[in-house]
Amino acid sequence: MQFNTKKCSVIRFGPGYHSQCSDVTMLGNSIKFVNSIKLLGVQLSAYKKILIDIGYMKSKFYRACNGLFHNSAKLKDELTTMHLVSSYCKPCLLYGTKAVAPNATQR
């Protein structure tokens, strides 16, 4: 198996997430440290605990809602529209919240 070090990155969680540490190298190439990373559709941010970036999830939710409302503008049935929002848009907002519980501000 070959790794592409340009696509690899390192993110740190825990009390020392912001402190400097030595470079991580793979196959002679240095891997960069990042403050946020997208993993399985969820944007994670470096912090004392694993932190979900709610702004990324909210933008996906609003994109899905706007697309749905644009395409269903001719429908006059609010119940159908709300069912579609519940089926297609709400999962964008709630995906990954079971794995990492959001704090009070994020809720």
PDB file of N, CA and C in Angstrom:
ATOM      1  N   MET A   1       0.853  -1.167   0.000  1.00  0.00           N
ATOM      2  CA  MET A   1       0.000   0.000   0.000  1.00  0.00           C
ATOM      3  C   MET A   1       0.903   1.235   0.000  1.00  0.00           C
ATOM      4  N   GLN A   2       0.567   2.185  -0.845  1.00  0.00           N
ATOM      5  CA  GLN A   2       1.333   3.422  -0.908  1.00  0.00           C
ATOM      6  C   GLN A   2       0.479   4.572  -0.376  1.00  0.00           C
ATOM      7  N   PHE A   3       1.115   5.449   0.390  1.00  0.00           N
ATOM      8  CA  PHE A   3       0.443   6.606   0.950  1.00  0.00           C
ATOM      9  C   PHE A   3       0.848   7.849   0.177  1.00  0.00           C
ATOM     10  N   ASN A   4      -0.102   8.742  -0.044  1.00  0.00           N
ATOM     11  CA  ASN A   4       0.166  10.036  -0.652  1.00  0.00           C
ATOM     12  C   ASN A   4       0.264  11.045   0.484  1.00  0.00           C
ATOM     13  N   THR A   5       1.478  11.497   0.765  1.00  0.00           N
ATOM     14  CA  THR A   5       1.679  12.396   1.909  1.00  0.00           C
ATOM     15  C   THR A   5       1.065  13.775   1.678  1.00  0.00           C
ATOM     16  N   LYS A   6       0.754  14.127   0.436  1.00  0.00           N
ATOM     17  CA  LYS A   6       0.098  15.412   0.170  1.00  0.00           C
ATOM     18  C   LYS A   6      -1.366  15.380   0.616  1.00  0.00           C
ATOM     19  N   LYS A   7      -1.947  14.187   0.671  1.00  0.00           N
ATOM     20  CA  LYS A   7      -3.336  14.049   1.100  1.00  0.00           C
ATOM     21  C   LYS A   7      -3.453  13.706   2.585  1.00  0.00           C
ATOM     22  N   CYS A   8      -2.333  13.469   3.243  1.00  0.00           N
ATOM     23  CA  CYS A   8      -2.333  13.122   4.667  1.00  0.00           C
ATOM     24  C   CYS A   8      -2.198  14.390   5.501  1.00  0.00           C
ATOM     25  N   SER A   9      -2.765  14.369   6.684  1.00  0.00           N
ATOM     26  CA  SER A   9      -2.615  15.474   7.618  1.00  0.00           C
ATOM     27  C   SER A   9      -2.746  14.942   9.035  1.00  0.00           C
ATOM     28  N   VAL A  10      -2.256  15.733   9.988  1.00  0.00           N
ATOM     29  CA  VAL A  10      -2.277  15.362  11.398  1.00  0.00           C
ATOM     30  C   VAL A  10      -3.087  16.408  12.145  1.00  0.00           C
ATOM     31  N   ILE A  11      -3.996  15.936  12.995  1.00  0.00           N
ATOM     32  CA  ILE A  11      -4.767  16.834  13.851  1.00  0.00           C
ATOM     33  C   ILE A  11      -4.590  16.337  15.280  1.00  0.00           C
ATOM     34  N   ARG A  12      -4.518  17.267  16.229  1.00  0.00           N
ATOM     35  CA  ARG A  12      -4.290  16.892  17.626  1.00  0.00           C
ATOM     36  C   ARG A  12      -5.477  17.299  18.475  1.00  0.00           C
ATOM     37  N   PHE A  13      -5.859  16.405  19.367  1.00  0.00           N
ATOM     38  CA  PHE A  13      -6.904  16.659  20.351  1.00  0.00           C
ATOM     39  C   PHE A  13      -6.296  16.479  21.732  1.00  0.00           C
ATOM     40  N   GLY A  14      -6.842  17.159  22.715  1.00  0.00           N
ATOM     41  CA  GLY A  14      -6.382  16.996  24.083  1.00  0.00           C
ATOM     42  C   GLY A  14      -5.845  18.287  24.651  1.00  0.00           C
ATOM     43  N   PRO A  15      -5.384  18.259  25.900  1.00  0.00           N
ATOM     44  CA  PRO A  15      -4.927  19.479  26.568  1.00  0.00           C
ATOM     45  C   PRO A  15      -3.770  20.179  25.857  1.00  0.00           C
ATOM     46  N   GLY A  16      -2.916  19.445  25.188  1.00  0.00           N
ATOM     47  CA  GLY A  16      -1.781  20.058  24.506  1.00  0.00           C
ATOM     48  C   GLY A  16      -1.981  20.195  23.013  1.00  0.00           C
ATOM     49  N   TYR A  17      -3.210  20.392  22.569  1.00  0.00           N
ATOM     50  CA  TYR A  17      -3.499  20.426  21.132  1.00  0.00           C
ATOM     51  C   TYR A  17      -2.832  21.603  20.428  1.00  0.00           C
ATOM     52  N   HIS A  18      -2.583  22.697  21.127  1.00  0.00           N
ATOM     53  CA  HIS A  18      -2.030  23.897  20.511  1.00  0.00           C
ATOM     54  C   HIS A  18      -0.512  24.014  20.673  1.00  0.00           C
ATOM     55  N   SER A  19       0.117  23.119  21.408  1.00  0.00           N
ATOM     56  CA  SER A  19       1.563  23.218  21.608  1.00  0.00           C
ATOM     57  C   SER A  19       2.313  22.643  20.406  1.00  0.00           C
ATOM     58  N   GLN A  20       3.522  23.110  20.239  1.00  0.00           N
ATOM     59  CA  GLN A  20       4.364  22.657  19.136  1.00  0.00           C
ATOM     60  C   GLN A  20       4.903  21.264  19.436  1.00  0.00           C
ATOM     61  N   CYS A  21       5.054  20.462  18.410  1.00  0.00           N
ATOM     62  CA  CYS A  21       5.687  19.159  18.558  1.00  0.00           C
ATOM     63  C   CYS A  21       6.524  18.896  17.314  1.00  0.00           C
ATOM     64  N   SER A  22       7.307  17.856  17.359  1.00  0.00           N
ATOM     65  CA  SER A  22       8.189  17.573  16.237  1.00  0.00           C
ATOM     66  C   SER A  22       7.386  17.124  15.024  1.00  0.00           C
ATOM     67  N   ASP A  23       7.970  17.300  13.868  1.00  0.00           N
ATOM     68  CA  ASP A  23       7.306  16.950  12.615  1.00  0.00           C
ATOM     69  C   ASP A  23       7.082  15.451  12.499  1.00  0.00           C
ATOM     70  N   VAL A  24       6.000  15.095  11.859  1.00  0.00           N
ATOM     71  CA  VAL A  24       5.703  13.701  11.566  1.00  0.00           C
ATOM     72  C   VAL A  24       6.090  13.473  10.116  1.00  0.00           C
ATOM     73  N   THR A  25       6.874  12.443   9.883  1.00  0.00           N
ATOM     74  CA  THR A  25       7.322  12.162   8.519  1.00  0.00           C
ATOM     75  C   THR A  25       6.861  10.783   8.090  1.00  0.00           C
ATOM     76  N   MET A  26       6.599  10.663   6.808  1.00  0.00           N
ATOM     77  CA  MET A  26       6.227   9.393   6.223  1.00  0.00           C
ATOM     78  C   MET A  26       6.896   9.318   4.860  1.00  0.00           C
ATOM     79  N   LEU A  27       7.641   8.256   4.647  1.00  0.00           N
ATOM     80  CA  LEU A  27       8.366   8.058   3.396  1.00  0.00           C
ATOM     81  C   LEU A  27       9.298   9.231   3.095  1.00  0.00           C
ATOM     82  N   GLY A  28       9.846   9.828   4.138  1.00  0.00           N
ATOM     83  CA  GLY A  28      10.774  10.929   3.977  1.00  0.00           C
ATOM     84  C   GLY A  28      10.124  12.285   3.771  1.00  0.00           C
ATOM     85  N   ASN A  29       8.821  12.342   3.706  1.00  0.00           N
ATOM     86  CA  ASN A  29       8.109  13.610   3.507  1.00  0.00           C
ATOM     87  C   ASN A  29       7.412  14.012   4.806  1.00  0.00           C
ATOM     88  N   SER A  30       7.405  15.297   5.075  1.00  0.00           N
ATOM     89  CA  SER A  30       6.772  15.823   6.276  1.00  0.00           C
ATOM     90  C   SER A  30       5.263  15.918   6.066  1.00  0.00           C
ATOM     91  N   ILE A  31       4.506  15.569   7.094  1.00  0.00           N
ATOM     92  CA  ILE A  31       3.049  15.664   7.047  1.00  0.00           C
ATOM     93  C   ILE A  31       2.643  16.907   7.822  1.00  0.00           C
ATOM     94  N   LYS A  32       1.742  17.689   7.234  1.00  0.00           N
ATOM     95  CA  LYS A  32       1.368  18.966   7.836  1.00  0.00           C
ATOM     96  C   LYS A  32       0.359  18.790   8.977  1.00  0.00           C
ATOM     97  N   PHE A  33       0.431  19.694   9.945  1.00  0.00           N
ATOM     98  CA  PHE A  33      -0.523  19.764  11.050  1.00  0.00           C
ATOM     99  C   PHE A  33      -1.647  20.709  10.641  1.00  0.00           C
ATOM    100  N   VAL A  34      -2.899  20.323  10.924  1.00  0.00           N
ATOM    101  CA  VAL A  34      -4.061  21.138  10.565  1.00  0.00           C
ATOM    102  C   VAL A  34      -4.928  21.378  11.794  1.00  0.00           C
ATOM    103  N   ASN A  35      -5.770  22.414  11.725  1.00  0.00           N
ATOM    104  CA  ASN A  35      -6.679  22.728  12.825  1.00  0.00           C
ATOM    105  C   ASN A  35      -8.047  22.090  12.652  1.00  0.00           C
ATOM    106  N   SER A  36      -8.389  21.725  11.422  1.00  0.00           N
ATOM    107  CA  SER A  36      -9.662  21.049  11.191  1.00  0.00           C
ATOM    108  C   SER A  36      -9.485  20.040  10.066  1.00  0.00           C
ATOM    109  N   ILE A  37     -10.322  19.006  10.114  1.00  0.00           N
ATOM    110  CA  ILE A  37     -10.220  17.927   9.144  1.00  0.00           C
ATOM    111  C   ILE A  37     -11.622  17.381   8.877  1.00  0.00           C
ATOM    112  N   LYS A  38     -11.864  16.972   7.647  1.00  0.00           N
ATOM    113  CA  LYS A  38     -13.141  16.367   7.294  1.00  0.00           C
ATOM    114  C   LYS A  38     -12.969  14.855   7.332  1.00  0.00           C
ATOM    115  N   LEU A  39     -13.747  14.199   8.187  1.00  0.00           N
ATOM    116  CA  LEU A  39     -13.645  12.756   8.363  1.00  0.00           C
ATOM    117  C   LEU A  39     -15.041  12.157   8.294  1.00  0.00           C
ATOM    118  N   LEU A  40     -15.282  11.325   7.310  1.00  0.00           N
ATOM    119  CA  LEU A  40     -16.574  10.642   7.127  1.00  0.00           C
ATOM    120  C   LEU A  40     -17.744  11.622   7.086  1.00  0.00           C
ATOM    121  N   GLY A  41     -17.554  12.753   6.418  1.00  0.00           N
ATOM    122  CA  GLY A  41     -18.631  13.720   6.254  1.00  0.00           C
ATOM    123  C   GLY A  41     -18.832  14.678   7.403  1.00  0.00           C
ATOM    124  N   VAL A  42     -17.973  14.616   8.416  1.00  0.00           N
ATOM    125  CA  VAL A  42     -18.089  15.500   9.580  1.00  0.00           C
ATOM    126  C   VAL A  42     -16.799  16.300   9.697  1.00  0.00           C
ATOM    127  N   GLN A  43     -16.935  17.604   9.889  1.00  0.00           N
ATOM    128  CA  GLN A  43     -15.777  18.478  10.049  1.00  0.00           C
ATOM    129  C   GLN A  43     -15.378  18.498  11.524  1.00  0.00           C
ATOM    130  N   LEU A  44     -14.175  18.015  11.833  1.00  0.00           N
ATOM    131  CA  LEU A  44     -13.667  17.993  13.201  1.00  0.00           C
ATOM    132  C   LEU A  44     -12.666  19.121  13.381  1.00  0.00           C
ATOM    133  N   SER A  45     -12.696  19.766  14.536  1.00  0.00           N
ATOM    134  CA  SER A  45     -11.773  20.856  14.843  1.00  0.00           C
ATOM    135  C   SER A  45     -10.892  20.473  16.019  1.00  0.00           C
ATOM    136  N   ALA A  46      -9.637  20.925  15.982  1.00  0.00           N
ATOM    137  CA  ALA A  46      -8.699  20.655  17.065  1.00  0.00           C
ATOM    138  C   ALA A  46      -9.103  21.474  18.282  1.00  0.00           C
ATOM    139  N   TYR A  47      -9.191  20.804  19.415  1.00  0.00           N
ATOM    140  CA  TYR A  47      -9.566  21.457  20.669  1.00  0.00           C
ATOM    141  C   TYR A  47      -9.207  20.511  21.805  1.00  0.00           C
ATOM    142  N   LYS A  48      -9.538  20.884  23.032  1.00  0.00           N
ATOM    143  CA  LYS A  48      -9.247  20.041  24.194  1.00  0.00           C
ATOM    144  C   LYS A  48      -9.968  18.707  24.106  1.00  0.00           C
ATOM    145  N   LYS A  49     -11.146  18.707  23.504  1.00  0.00           N
ATOM    146  CA  LYS A  49     -11.922  17.490  23.260  1.00  0.00           C
ATOM    147  C   LYS A  49     -12.187  17.423  21.759  1.00  0.00           C
ATOM    148  N   ILE A  50     -12.680  16.299  21.290  1.00  0.00           N
ATOM    149  CA  ILE A  50     -13.068  16.211  19.885  1.00  0.00           C
ATOM    150  C   ILE A  50     -14.267  17.121  19.684  1.00  0.00           C
ATOM    151  N   LEU A  51     -14.146  18.052  18.755  1.00  0.00           N
ATOM    152  CA  LEU A  51     -15.149  19.081  18.559  1.00  0.00           C
ATOM    153  C   LEU A  51     -15.664  19.020  17.128  1.00  0.00           C
ATOM    154  N   ILE A  52     -16.976  18.922  16.961  1.00  0.00           N
ATOM    155  CA  ILE A  52     -17.597  18.940  15.643  1.00  0.00           C
ATOM    156  C   ILE A  52     -17.816  20.386  15.225  1.00  0.00           C
ATOM    157  N   ASP A  53     -17.473  20.699  13.974  1.00  0.00           N
ATOM    158  CA  ASP A  53     -17.712  22.042  13.444  1.00  0.00           C
ATOM    159  C   ASP A  53     -19.162  22.123  12.977  1.00  0.00           C
ATOM    160  N   ILE A  54     -20.005  22.745  13.762  1.00  0.00           N
ATOM    161  CA  ILE A  54     -21.430  22.838  13.475  1.00  0.00           C
ATOM    162  C   ILE A  54     -21.697  23.736  12.271  1.00  0.00           C
ATOM    163  N   GLY A  55     -20.860  24.729  12.046  1.00  0.00           N
ATOM    164  CA  GLY A  55     -21.045  25.631  10.902  1.00  0.00           C
ATOM    165  C   GLY A  55     -21.029  24.893   9.573  1.00  0.00           C
ATOM    166  N   TYR A  56     -20.167  23.908   9.447  1.00  0.00           N
ATOM    167  CA  TYR A  56     -20.097  23.095   8.230  1.00  0.00           C
ATOM    168  C   TYR A  56     -21.392  22.308   8.045  1.00  0.00           C
ATOM    169  N   MET A  57     -21.910  21.745   9.126  1.00  0.00           N
ATOM    170  CA  MET A  57     -23.138  20.961   9.048  1.00  0.00           C
ATOM    171  C   MET A  57     -24.347  21.853   8.763  1.00  0.00           C
ATOM    172  N   LYS A  58     -24.356  23.064   9.345  1.00  0.00           N
ATOM    173  CA  LYS A  58     -25.457  23.984   9.081  1.00  0.00           C
ATOM    174  C   LYS A  58     -25.473  24.429   7.625  1.00  0.00           C
ATOM    175  N   SER A  59     -24.301  24.646   7.041  1.00  0.00           N
ATOM    176  CA  SER A  59     -24.267  25.055   5.636  1.00  0.00           C
ATOM    177  C   SER A  59     -24.768  23.928   4.730  1.00  0.00           C
ATOM    178  N   LYS A  60     -24.433  22.676   5.058  1.00  0.00           N
ATOM    179  CA  LYS A  60     -24.962  21.551   4.283  1.00  0.00           C
ATOM    180  C   LYS A  60     -26.479  21.466   4.421  1.00  0.00           C
ATOM    181  N   PHE A  61     -26.998  21.704   5.627  1.00  0.00           N
ATOM    182  CA  PHE A  61     -28.434  21.685   5.868  1.00  0.00           C
ATOM    183  C   PHE A  61     -29.141  22.760   5.049  1.00  0.00           C
ATOM    184  N   TYR A  62     -28.623  23.989   5.074  1.00  0.00           N
ATOM    185  CA  TYR A  62     -29.257  25.075   4.329  1.00  0.00           C
ATOM    186  C   TYR A  62     -29.162  24.862   2.824  1.00  0.00           C
ATOM    187  N   ARG A  63     -28.053  24.299   2.342  1.00  0.00           N
ATOM    188  CA  ARG A  63     -27.944  23.982   0.917  1.00  0.00           C
ATOM    189  C   ARG A  63     -29.013  22.981   0.506  1.00  0.00           C
ATOM    190  N   ALA A  64     -29.190  21.940   1.329  1.00  0.00           N
ATOM    191  CA  ALA A  64     -30.199  20.921   1.025  1.00  0.00           C
ATOM    192  C   ALA A  64     -31.606  21.514   1.074  1.00  0.00           C
ATOM    193  N   CYS A  65     -31.882  22.359   2.066  1.00  0.00           N
ATOM    194  CA  CYS A  65     -33.207  22.991   2.171  1.00  0.00           C
ATOM    195  C   CYS A  65     -33.481  23.911   0.991  1.00  0.00           C
ATOM    196  N   ASN A  66     -32.509  24.729   0.628  1.00  0.00           N
ATOM    197  CA  ASN A  66     -32.709  25.647  -0.494  1.00  0.00           C
ATOM    198  C   ASN A  66     -32.939  24.892  -1.792  1.00  0.00           C
ATOM    199  N   GLY A  67     -32.181  23.831  -2.014  1.00  0.00           N
ATOM    200  CA  GLY A  67     -32.389  23.022  -3.214  1.00  0.00           C
ATOM    201  C   GLY A  67     -33.750  22.363  -3.217  1.00  0.00           C
ATOM    202  N   LEU A  68     -34.162  21.874  -2.073  1.00  0.00           N
ATOM    203  CA  LEU A  68     -35.475  21.230  -1.960  1.00  0.00           C
ATOM    204  C   LEU A  68     -36.600  22.236  -2.176  1.00  0.00           C
ATOM    205  N   PHE A  69     -36.507  23.403  -1.542  1.00  0.00           N
ATOM    206  CA  PHE A  69     -37.549  24.409  -1.696  1.00  0.00           C
ATOM    207  C   PHE A  69     -37.602  24.950  -3.126  1.00  0.00           C
ATOM    208  N   HIS A  70     -36.458  25.047  -3.777  1.00  0.00           N
ATOM    209  CA  HIS A  70     -36.433  25.508  -5.160  1.00  0.00           C
ATOM    210  C   HIS A  70     -37.126  24.495  -6.070  1.00  0.00           C
ATOM    211  N   ASN A  71     -36.835  23.214  -5.863  1.00  0.00           N
ATOM    212  CA  ASN A  71     -37.405  22.182  -6.729  1.00  0.00           C
ATOM    213  C   ASN A  71     -38.855  21.864  -6.387  1.00  0.00           C
ATOM    214  N   SER A  72     -39.287  22.148  -5.171  1.00  0.00           N
ATOM    215  CA  SER A  72     -40.672  21.846  -4.799  1.00  0.00           C
ATOM    216  C   SER A  72     -41.521  23.107  -4.695  1.00  0.00           C
ATOM    217  N   ALA A  73     -41.140  24.170  -5.396  1.00  0.00           N
ATOM    218  CA  ALA A  73     -41.888  25.427  -5.318  1.00  0.00           C
ATOM    219  C   ALA A  73     -43.294  25.278  -5.883  1.00  0.00           C
ATOM    220  N   LYS A  74     -43.452  24.377  -6.837  1.00  0.00           N
ATOM    221  CA  LYS A  74     -44.762  24.196  -7.460  1.00  0.00           C
ATOM    222  C   LYS A  74     -45.695  23.341  -6.602  1.00  0.00           C
ATOM    223  N   LEU A  75     -45.112  22.602  -5.636  1.00  0.00           N
ATOM    224  CA  LEU A  75     -45.955  21.807  -4.743  1.00  0.00           C
ATOM    225  C   LEU A  75     -46.656  22.735  -3.759  1.00  0.00           C
ATOM    226  N   LYS A  76     -47.918  22.549  -3.596  1.00  0.00           N
ATOM    227  CA  LYS A  76     -48.677  23.376  -2.650  1.00  0.00           C
ATOM    228  C   LYS A  76     -48.969  22.620  -1.361  1.00  0.00           C
ATOM    229  N   ASP A  77     -48.452  21.412  -1.256  1.00  0.00           N
ATOM    230  CA  ASP A  77     -48.724  20.581  -0.085  1.00  0.00           C
ATOM    231  C   ASP A  77     -47.586  20.753   0.929  1.00  0.00           C
ATOM    232  N   GLU A  78     -47.875  21.433   2.037  1.00  0.00           N
ATOM    233  CA  GLU A  78     -46.854  21.690   3.051  1.00  0.00           C
ATOM    234  C   GLU A  78     -46.423  20.416   3.759  1.00  0.00           C
ATOM    235  N   LEU A  79     -47.340  19.475   3.910  1.00  0.00           N
ATOM    236  CA  LEU A  79     -47.016  18.223   4.582  1.00  0.00           C
ATOM    237  C   LEU A  79     -45.960  17.431   3.804  1.00  0.00           C
ATOM    238  N   THR A  80     -46.098  17.407   2.490  1.00  0.00           N
ATOM    239  CA  THR A  80     -45.114  16.721   1.655  1.00  0.00           C
ATOM    240  C   THR A  80     -43.763  17.416   1.744  1.00  0.00           C
ATOM    241  N   THR A  81     -43.775  18.728   1.716  1.00  0.00           N
ATOM    242  CA  THR A  81     -42.524  19.489   1.813  1.00  0.00           C
ATOM    243  C   THR A  81     -41.844  19.242   3.156  1.00  0.00           C
ATOM    244  N   MET A  82     -42.601  19.236   4.239  1.00  0.00           N
ATOM    245  CA  MET A  82     -42.009  18.996   5.552  1.00  0.00           C
ATOM    246  C   MET A  82     -41.476  17.567   5.687  1.00  0.00           C
ATOM    247  N   HIS A  83     -42.154  16.625   5.053  1.00  0.00           N
ATOM    248  CA  HIS A  83     -41.656  15.246   5.062  1.00  0.00           C
ATOM    249  C   HIS A  83     -40.339  15.154   4.295  1.00  0.00           C
ATOM    250  N   LEU A  84     -40.239  15.852   3.168  1.00  0.00           N
ATOM    251  CA  LEU A  84     -38.997  15.856   2.407  1.00  0.00           C
ATOM    252  C   LEU A  84     -37.871  16.529   3.185  1.00  0.00           C
ATOM    253  N   VAL A  85     -38.182  17.611   3.899  1.00  0.00           N
ATOM    254  CA  VAL A  85     -37.172  18.277   4.738  1.00  0.00           C
ATOM    255  C   VAL A  85     -36.700  17.324   5.828  1.00  0.00           C
ATOM    256  N   SER A  86     -37.626  16.619   6.436  1.00  0.00           N
ATOM    257  CA  SER A  86     -37.274  15.677   7.497  1.00  0.00           C
ATOM    258  C   SER A  86     -36.448  14.514   6.956  1.00  0.00           C
ATOM    259  N   SER A  87     -36.729  14.085   5.737  1.00  0.00           N
ATOM    260  CA  SER A  87     -36.034  12.927   5.158  1.00  0.00           C
ATOM    261  C   SER A  87     -34.668  13.274   4.584  1.00  0.00           C
ATOM    262  N   TYR A  88     -34.545  14.447   3.930  1.00  0.00           N
ATOM    263  CA  TYR A  88     -33.322  14.764   3.210  1.00  0.00           C
ATOM    264  C   TYR A  88     -32.449  15.818   3.876  1.00  0.00           C
ATOM    265  N   CYS A  89     -33.049  16.763   4.574  1.00  0.00           N
ATOM    266  CA  CYS A  89     -32.271  17.880   5.114  1.00  0.00           C
ATOM    267  C   CYS A  89     -31.823  17.648   6.548  1.00  0.00           C
ATOM    268  N   LYS A  90     -32.703  17.108   7.379  1.00  0.00           N
ATOM    269  CA  LYS A  90     -32.359  16.895   8.782  1.00  0.00           C
ATOM    270  C   LYS A  90     -31.162  15.971   8.984  1.00  0.00           C
ATOM    271  N   PRO A  91     -31.004  14.899   8.197  1.00  0.00           N
ATOM    272  CA  PRO A  91     -29.812  14.071   8.373  1.00  0.00           C
ATOM    273  C   PRO A  91     -28.500  14.825   8.126  1.00  0.00           C
ATOM    274  N   CYS A  92     -28.522  15.827   7.245  1.00  0.00           N
ATOM    275  CA  CYS A  92     -27.312  16.629   7.022  1.00  0.00           C
ATOM    276  C   CYS A  92     -26.908  17.369   8.285  1.00  0.00           C
ATOM    277  N   LEU A  93     -27.891  17.785   9.055  1.00  0.00           N
ATOM    278  CA  LEU A  93     -27.638  18.551  10.273  1.00  0.00           C
ATOM    279  C   LEU A  93     -27.264  17.659  11.446  1.00  0.00           C
ATOM    280  N   LEU A  94     -27.843  16.467  11.513  1.00  0.00           N
ATOM    281  CA  LEU A  94     -27.669  15.608  12.681  1.00  0.00           C
ATOM    282  C   LEU A  94     -26.643  14.497  12.494  1.00  0.00           C
ATOM    283  N   TYR A  95     -26.048  14.382  11.311  1.00  0.00           N
ATOM    284  CA  TYR A  95     -25.109  13.309  11.046  1.00  0.00           C
ATOM    285  C   TYR A  95     -23.887  13.430  11.961  1.00  0.00           C
ATOM    286  N   GLY A  96     -23.552  12.383  12.647  1.00  0.00           N
ATOM    287  CA  GLY A  96     -22.369  12.345  13.489  1.00  0.00           C
ATOM    288  C   GLY A  96     -22.568  12.847  14.904  1.00  0.00           C
ATOM    289  N   THR A  97     -23.738  13.367  15.232  1.00  0.00           N
ATOM    290  CA  THR A  97     -23.940  13.894  16.576  1.00  0.00           C
ATOM    291  C   THR A  97     -24.101  12.792  17.612  1.00  0.00           C
ATOM    292  N   LYS A  98     -24.427  11.584  17.194  1.00  0.00           N
ATOM    293  CA  LYS A  98     -24.516  10.467  18.136  1.00  0.00           C
ATOM    294  C   LYS A  98     -23.125  10.020  18.576  1.00  0.00           C
ATOM    295  N   ALA A  99     -22.163  10.084  17.673  1.00  0.00           N
ATOM    296  CA  ALA A  99     -20.804   9.645  17.987  1.00  0.00           C
ATOM    297  C   ALA A  99     -20.096  10.629  18.902  1.00  0.00           C
ATOM    298  N   VAL A 100     -20.241  11.911  18.621  1.00  0.00           N
ATOM    299  CA  VAL A 100     -19.609  12.959  19.422  1.00  0.00           C
ATOM    300  C   VAL A 100     -20.713  13.906  19.864  1.00  0.00           C
ATOM    301  N   ALA A 101     -21.037  13.891  21.127  1.00  0.00           N
ATOM    302  CA  ALA A 101     -22.149  14.684  21.644  1.00  0.00           C
ATOM    303  C   ALA A 101     -21.806  16.180  21.569  1.00  0.00           C
ATOM    304  N   PRO A 102     -22.686  16.995  20.976  1.00  0.00           N
ATOM    305  CA  PRO A 102     -22.434  18.436  20.932  1.00  0.00           C
ATOM    306  C   PRO A 102     -22.603  19.073  22.306  1.00  0.00           C
ATOM    307  N   ASN A 103     -21.865  20.145  22.549  1.00  0.00           N
ATOM    308  CA  ASN A 103     -22.002  20.823  23.832  1.00  0.00           C
ATOM    309  C   ASN A 103     -23.256  21.690  23.837  1.00  0.00           C
ATOM    310  N   ALA A 104     -23.515  22.392  24.927  1.00  0.00           N
ATOM    311  CA  ALA A 104     -24.743  23.174  25.074  1.00  0.00           C
ATOM    312  C   ALA A 104     -24.822  24.289  24.043  1.00  0.00           C
ATOM    313  N   THR A 105     -23.723  24.931  23.730  1.00  0.00           N
ATOM    314  CA  THR A 105     -23.727  26.011  22.744  1.00  0.00           C
ATOM    315  C   THR A 105     -24.066  25.478  21.351  1.00  0.00           C
ATOM    316  N   GLN A 106     -23.516  24.334  21.000  1.00  0.00           N
ATOM    317  CA  GLN A 106     -23.764  23.765  19.682  1.00  0.00           C
ATOM    318  C   GLN A 106     -25.193  23.255  19.542  1.00  0.00           C
ATOM    319  N   ARG A 107     -25.770  22.759  20.636  1.00  0.00           N
ATOM    320  CA  ARG A 107     -27.164  22.299  20.583  1.00  0.00           C
ATOM    321  C   ARG A 107     -28.074  23.456  20.318  1.00  0.00           C
TER     322      ARG A 107
END
